[in-house]
C-alpha atoms as a PDB file:
ATOM      1  CA  UNK A   1      14.658 -15.264  28.799  1.00  0.00           C
ATOM      2  CA  UNK A   2      11.487 -15.613  26.405  1.00  0.00           C
ATOM      3  CA  UNK A   3      13.461 -15.164  22.785  1.00  0.00           C
ATOM      4  CA  UNK A   4      12.060 -15.627  19.185  1.00  0.00           C
ATOM      5  CA  UNK A   5      14.353 -16.203  16.076  1.00  0.00           C
ATOM      6  CA  UNK A   6      12.928 -15.865  12.672  1.00  0.00           C
ATOM      7  CA  UNK A   7      13.388 -13.891   9.162  1.00  0.00           C
ATOM      8  CA  UNK A   8      13.219 -10.489   9.117  1.00  0.00           C
ATOM      9  CA  UNK A   9       9.748  -8.428   7.560  1.00  0.00           C
ATOM     10  CA  UNK A  10       9.489  -4.604   6.398  1.00  0.00           C
ATOM     11  CA  UNK A  11       8.115  -3.840   9.046  1.00  0.00           C
ATOM     12  CA  UNK A  12      11.345  -4.531  11.531  1.00  0.00           C
ATOM     13  CA  UNK A  13      13.687  -2.650   9.214  1.00  0.00           C
ATOM     14  CA  UNK A  14      13.198   0.770  11.543  1.00  0.00           C
ATOM     15  CA  UNK A  15      14.539  -1.214  14.520  1.00  0.00           C
ATOM     16  CA  UNK A  16      16.759  -3.180  12.462  1.00  0.00           C
ATOM     17  CA  UNK A  17      18.614   0.014  11.206  1.00  0.00           C
ATOM     18  CA  UNK A  18      18.665   1.434  14.593  1.00  0.00           C
ATOM     19  CA  UNK A  19      20.647  -1.955  15.411  1.00  0.00           C
ATOM     20  CA  UNK A  20      22.934  -0.993  12.265  1.00  0.00           C
ATOM     21  CA  UNK A  21      23.884   2.518  13.735  1.00  0.00           C
ATOM     22  CA  UNK A  22      24.687   0.476  17.235  1.00  0.00           C
ATOM     23  CA  UNK A  23      27.228  -1.389  15.239  1.00  0.00           C
ATOM     24  CA  UNK A  24      28.235   1.485  13.610  1.00  0.00           C
ATOM     25  CA  UNK A  25      29.236   3.307  16.823  1.00  0.00           C
ATOM     26  CA  UNK A  26      30.625   0.478  18.202  1.00  0.00           C
ATOM     27  CA  UNK A  27      32.911  -0.069  15.171  1.00  0.00           C
ATOM     28  CA  UNK A  28      33.970   3.799  16.194  1.00  0.00           C
ATOM     29  CA  UNK A  29      32.514   4.877  12.302  1.00  0.00           C
ATOM     30  CA  UNK A  30      28.850   6.474  13.232  1.00  0.00           C
ATOM     31  CA  UNK A  31      29.109   8.803  10.031  1.00  0.00           C
ATOM     32  CA  UNK A  32      29.328   5.743   7.893  1.00  0.00           C
ATOM     33  CA  UNK A  33      25.844   5.140   7.860  1.00  0.00           C
ATOM     34  CA  UNK A  34      24.215   6.786   5.360  1.00  0.00           C
ATOM     35  CA  UNK A  35      21.462   4.485   3.716  1.00  0.00           C
ATOM     36  CA  UNK A  36      18.029   5.798   4.209  1.00  0.00           C
ATOM     37  CA  UNK A  37      15.486   4.109   5.721  1.00  0.00           C
ATOM     38  CA  UNK A  38      13.828   3.823   2.768  1.00  0.00           C
ATOM     39  CA  UNK A  39      16.512   2.288   0.606  1.00  0.00           C
ATOM     40  CA  UNK A  40      16.698  -0.078   3.291  1.00  0.00           C
ATOM     41  CA  UNK A  41      13.384  -1.333   3.182  1.00  0.00           C
ATOM     42  CA  UNK A  42      13.662  -1.570  -0.811  1.00  0.00           C
ATOM     43  CA  UNK A  43      16.750  -3.272  -0.618  1.00  0.00           C
ATOM     44  CA  UNK A  44      15.160  -6.532   1.287  1.00  0.00           C
ATOM     45  CA  UNK A  45      11.693  -5.927   0.364  1.00  0.00           C
ATOM     46  CA  UNK A  46      10.909  -4.402  -2.624  1.00  0.00           C
ATOM     47  CA  UNK A  47      10.655  -5.412  -6.351  1.00  0.00           C
ATOM     48  CA  UNK A  48      14.386  -6.815  -6.215  1.00  0.00           C
ATOM     49  CA  UNK A  49      15.915  -7.920  -2.559  1.00  0.00           C
ATOM     50  CA  UNK A  50      19.239  -8.581  -2.291  1.00  0.00           C
ATOM     51  CA  UNK A  51      19.052  -9.356   1.255  1.00  0.00           C
ATOM     52  CA  UNK A  52      17.968 -11.339   3.833  1.00  0.00           C
ATOM     53  CA  UNK A  53      18.130 -11.394   7.555  1.00  0.00           C
ATOM     54  CA  UNK A  54      17.212 -13.131  10.956  1.00  0.00           C
ATOM     55  CA  UNK A  55      16.054 -11.408  14.004  1.00  0.00           C
ATOM     56  CA  UNK A  56      15.979 -11.619  17.423  1.00  0.00           C
ATOM     57  CA  UNK A  57      13.308 -11.239  19.698  1.00  0.00           C
ATOM     58  CA  UNK A  58      13.090 -10.737  23.444  1.00  0.00           C
ATOM     59  CA  UNK A  59       9.731  -9.909  24.552  1.00  0.00           C
ATOM     60  CA  UNK A  60       8.439  -9.056  21.054  1.00  0.00           C
ATOM     61  CA  UNK A  61      11.621  -6.270  20.921  1.00  0.00           C
ATOM     62  CA  UNK A  62      14.048  -6.961  18.563  1.00  0.00           C
ATOM     63  CA  UNK A  63      17.055  -7.331  20.316  1.00  0.00           C
ATOM     64  CA  UNK A  64      19.677  -8.208  17.452  1.00  0.00           C
ATOM     65  CA  UNK A  65      19.757  -9.623  13.688  1.00  0.00           C
ATOM     66  CA  UNK A  66      22.069 -11.567  11.141  1.00  0.00           C
ATOM     67  CA  UNK A  67      21.542  -9.859   7.848  1.00  0.00           C
ATOM     68  CA  UNK A  68      23.363 -11.934   5.007  1.00  0.00           C
ATOM     69  CA  UNK A  69      23.021 -12.015   1.300  1.00  0.00           C
ATOM     70  CA  UNK A  70      24.615 -14.247  -1.794  1.00  0.00           C
ATOM     71  CA  UNK A  71      28.188 -13.878  -2.964  1.00  0.00           C
ATOM     72  CA  UNK A  72      29.837 -14.881  -5.781  1.00  0.00           C
ATOM     73  CA  UNK A  73      33.294 -16.158  -5.900  1.00  0.00           C
ATOM     74  CA  UNK A  74      35.015 -17.066  -9.287  1.00  0.00           C
ATOM     75  CA  UNK A  75      37.125 -19.403  -7.224  1.00  0.00           C
ATOM     76  CA  UNK A  76      34.407 -20.977  -4.923  1.00  0.00           C
ATOM     77  CA  UNK A  77      30.728 -20.288  -6.318  1.00  0.00           C
ATOM     78  CA  UNK A  78      28.210 -19.001  -4.379  1.00  0.00           C
ATOM     79  CA  UNK A  79      28.810 -17.884  -1.373  1.00  0.00           C
ATOM     80  CA  UNK A  80      26.824 -16.899   1.879  1.00  0.00           C
ATOM     81  CA  UNK A  81      28.038 -13.536   3.374  1.00  0.00           C
ATOM     82  CA  UNK A  82      27.151 -12.207   6.607  1.00  0.00           C
ATOM     83  CA  UNK A  83      26.826  -8.013   6.746  1.00  0.00           C
ATOM     84  CA  UNK A  84      25.871  -7.182  10.139  1.00  0.00           C
ATOM     85  CA  UNK A  85      25.653  -9.251  12.838  1.00  0.00           C
ATOM     86  CA  UNK A  86      24.869  -7.487  16.410  1.00  0.00           C
ATOM     87  CA  UNK A  87      23.429  -8.650  19.678  1.00  0.00           C
ATOM     88  CA  UNK A  88      22.759  -5.355  21.095  1.00  0.00           C
ATOM     89  CA  UNK A  89      24.537  -4.613  24.530  1.00  0.00           C
ATOM     90  CA  UNK A  90      22.299  -5.238  27.125  1.00  0.00           C
ATOM     91  CA  UNK A  91      21.246  -9.219  25.822  1.00  0.00           C
ATOM     92  CA  UNK A  92      24.947  -9.997  24.769  1.00  0.00           C
ATOM     93  CA  UNK A  93      26.285 -13.462  26.685  1.00  0.00           C
ATOM     94  CA  UNK A  94      23.354 -14.887  26.806  1.00  0.00           C
ATOM     95  CA  UNK A  95      23.172 -17.141  24.026  1.00  0.00           C
ATOM     96  CA  UNK A  96      21.156 -15.078  20.943  1.00  0.00           C
ATOM     97  CA  UNK A  97      24.354 -14.082  19.043  1.00  0.00           C
ATOM     98  CA  UNK A  98      25.161 -17.909  18.984  1.00  0.00           C
ATOM     99  CA  UNK A  99      21.164 -19.120  17.893  1.00  0.00           C
ATOM    100  CA  UNK A 100      21.566 -15.988  15.213  1.00  0.00           C
ATOM    101  CA  UNK A 101      24.612 -16.843  13.781  1.00  0.00           C
ATOM    102  CA  UNK A 102      23.810 -20.787  13.693  1.00  0.00           C
ATOM    103  CA  UNK A 103      20.525 -19.782  11.928  1.00  0.00           C
ATOM    104  CA  UNK A 104      22.846 -18.445   9.018  1.00  0.00           C
ATOM    105  CA  UNK A 105      24.937 -21.308   9.188  1.00  0.00           C
ATOM    106  CA  UNK A 106      22.457 -23.375   8.393  1.00  0.00           C
ATOM    107  CA  UNK A 107      21.025 -21.103   5.493  1.00  0.00           C
ATOM    108  CA  UNK A 108      24.378 -21.631   4.204  1.00  0.00           C
ATOM    109  CA  UNK A 109      24.246 -25.252   4.329  1.00  0.00           C
ATOM    110  CA  UNK A 110      20.644 -25.635   3.316  1.00  0.00           C
ATOM    111  CA  UNK A 111      21.341 -23.499   0.073  1.00  0.00           C
ATOM    112  CA  UNK A 112      24.575 -25.463  -1.054  1.00  0.00           C
ATOM    113  CA  UNK A 113      26.336 -22.834  -0.527  1.00  0.00           C
ATOM    114  CA  UNK A 114      30.223 -23.160  -1.232  1.00  0.00           C
ATOM    115  CA  UNK A 115      30.623 -21.867   2.054  1.00  0.00           C
ATOM    116  CA  UNK A 116      30.529 -18.536   4.161  1.00  0.00           C
ATOM    117  CA  UNK A 117      32.169 -15.274   4.798  1.00  0.00           C
ATOM    118  CA  UNK A 118      32.414 -12.421   6.637  1.00  0.00           C
ATOM    119  CA  UNK A 119      34.524  -9.424   8.301  1.00  0.00           C
ATOM    120  CA  UNK A 120      36.105  -8.803  11.770  1.00  0.00           C
ATOM    121  CA  UNK A 121      38.081  -6.038  12.968  1.00  0.00           C
ATOM    122  CA  UNK A 122      41.320  -7.371  13.983  1.00  0.00           C
ATOM    123  CA  UNK A 123      40.879  -5.295  17.253  1.00  0.00           C
ATOM    124  CA  UNK A 124      37.630  -6.973  17.892  1.00  0.00           C
ATOM    125  CA  UNK A 125      38.570  -9.652  20.210  1.00  0.00           C
ATOM    126  CA  UNK A 126      34.931 -10.365  21.598  1.00  0.00           C
ATOM    127  CA  UNK A 127      33.981 -11.155  17.907  1.00  0.00           C
ATOM    128  CA  UNK A 128      37.177 -12.727  16.778  1.00  0.00           C
ATOM    129  CA  UNK A 129      37.237 -15.143  20.099  1.00  0.00           C
ATOM    130  CA  UNK A 130      33.587 -15.582  19.258  1.00  0.00           C
ATOM    131  CA  UNK A 131      34.253 -16.734  15.632  1.00  0.00           C
ATOM    132  CA  UNK A 132      37.238 -18.862  16.983  1.00  0.00           C
ATOM    133  CA  UNK A 133      34.926 -21.323  18.535  1.00  0.00           C
ATOM    134  CA  UNK A 134      33.352 -22.350  15.041  1.00  0.00           C
ATOM    135  CA  UNK A 135      37.278 -22.205  14.131  1.00  0.00           C
ATOM    136  CA  UNK A 136      36.463 -19.859  11.206  1.00  0.00           C
ATOM    137  CA  UNK A 137      39.549 -19.262   9.611  1.00  0.00           C
ATOM    138  CA  UNK A 138      40.256 -15.477   9.522  1.00  0.00           C
ATOM    139  CA  UNK A 139      42.695 -14.722   6.959  1.00  0.00           C
ATOM    140  CA  UNK A 140      45.382 -11.691   7.423  1.00  0.00           C
ATOM    141  CA  UNK A 141      47.342 -10.250   4.038  1.00  0.00           C
ATOM    142  CA  UNK A 142      43.774  -8.413   2.056  1.00  0.00           C
ATOM    143  CA  UNK A 143      42.794  -4.891   2.231  1.00  0.00           C
ATOM    144  CA  UNK A 144      39.437  -3.517   2.125  1.00  0.00           C
ATOM    145  CA  UNK A 145      38.813  -1.437  -1.449  1.00  0.00           C
ATOM    146  CA  UNK A 146      35.641   0.526  -1.832  1.00  0.00           C
ATOM    147  CA  UNK A 147      34.576   3.164  -4.230  1.00  0.00           C
ATOM    148  CA  UNK A 148      32.162   5.951  -3.107  1.00  0.00           C
ATOM    149  CA  UNK A 149      29.022   7.534  -5.209  1.00  0.00           C
ATOM    150  CA  UNK A 150      30.700  10.275  -5.473  1.00  0.00           C
ATOM    151  CA  UNK A 151      33.490   8.652  -6.395  1.00  0.00           C
ATOM    152  CA  UNK A 152      32.543   6.897  -9.710  1.00  0.00           C
ATOM    153  CA  UNK A 153      30.390   9.888 -10.634  1.00  0.00           C
ATOM    154  CA  UNK A 154      33.629  11.656 -11.259  1.00  0.00           C
ATOM    155  CA  UNK A 155      35.071   9.443 -13.013  1.00  0.00           C
END
């Protein structure tokens, strides 16, 4: 298999968004992806980019990505947050996920972050098993909280 791992570019955004939708279907929440391509592209490559990503290509087709950004913890300082990480189903089990994940780990190390954090659904056994290979600490006892745009506007 001929593959390439590189930083994402603005032209990659349509394909990355397709993979984000694939991930949302896998996570049983396809209706939750509401970001527009324009907003997504601007957030990564506009005047004030907030995210970076690595993409995995096979024969010049993006088959996976790992999107991350800096998160600040008042307890720990700057931490690298892995927002989304997926290899499309047809290419899983070939080592691309390991390479992508380790590229993000290298970014955390080279950027002198105080650690790397992410979320995983408690029923996603393949992902949990993958992270356990790295001896990741999987926390319990924390609940995710969010307010929608509508809820904030109604305040």
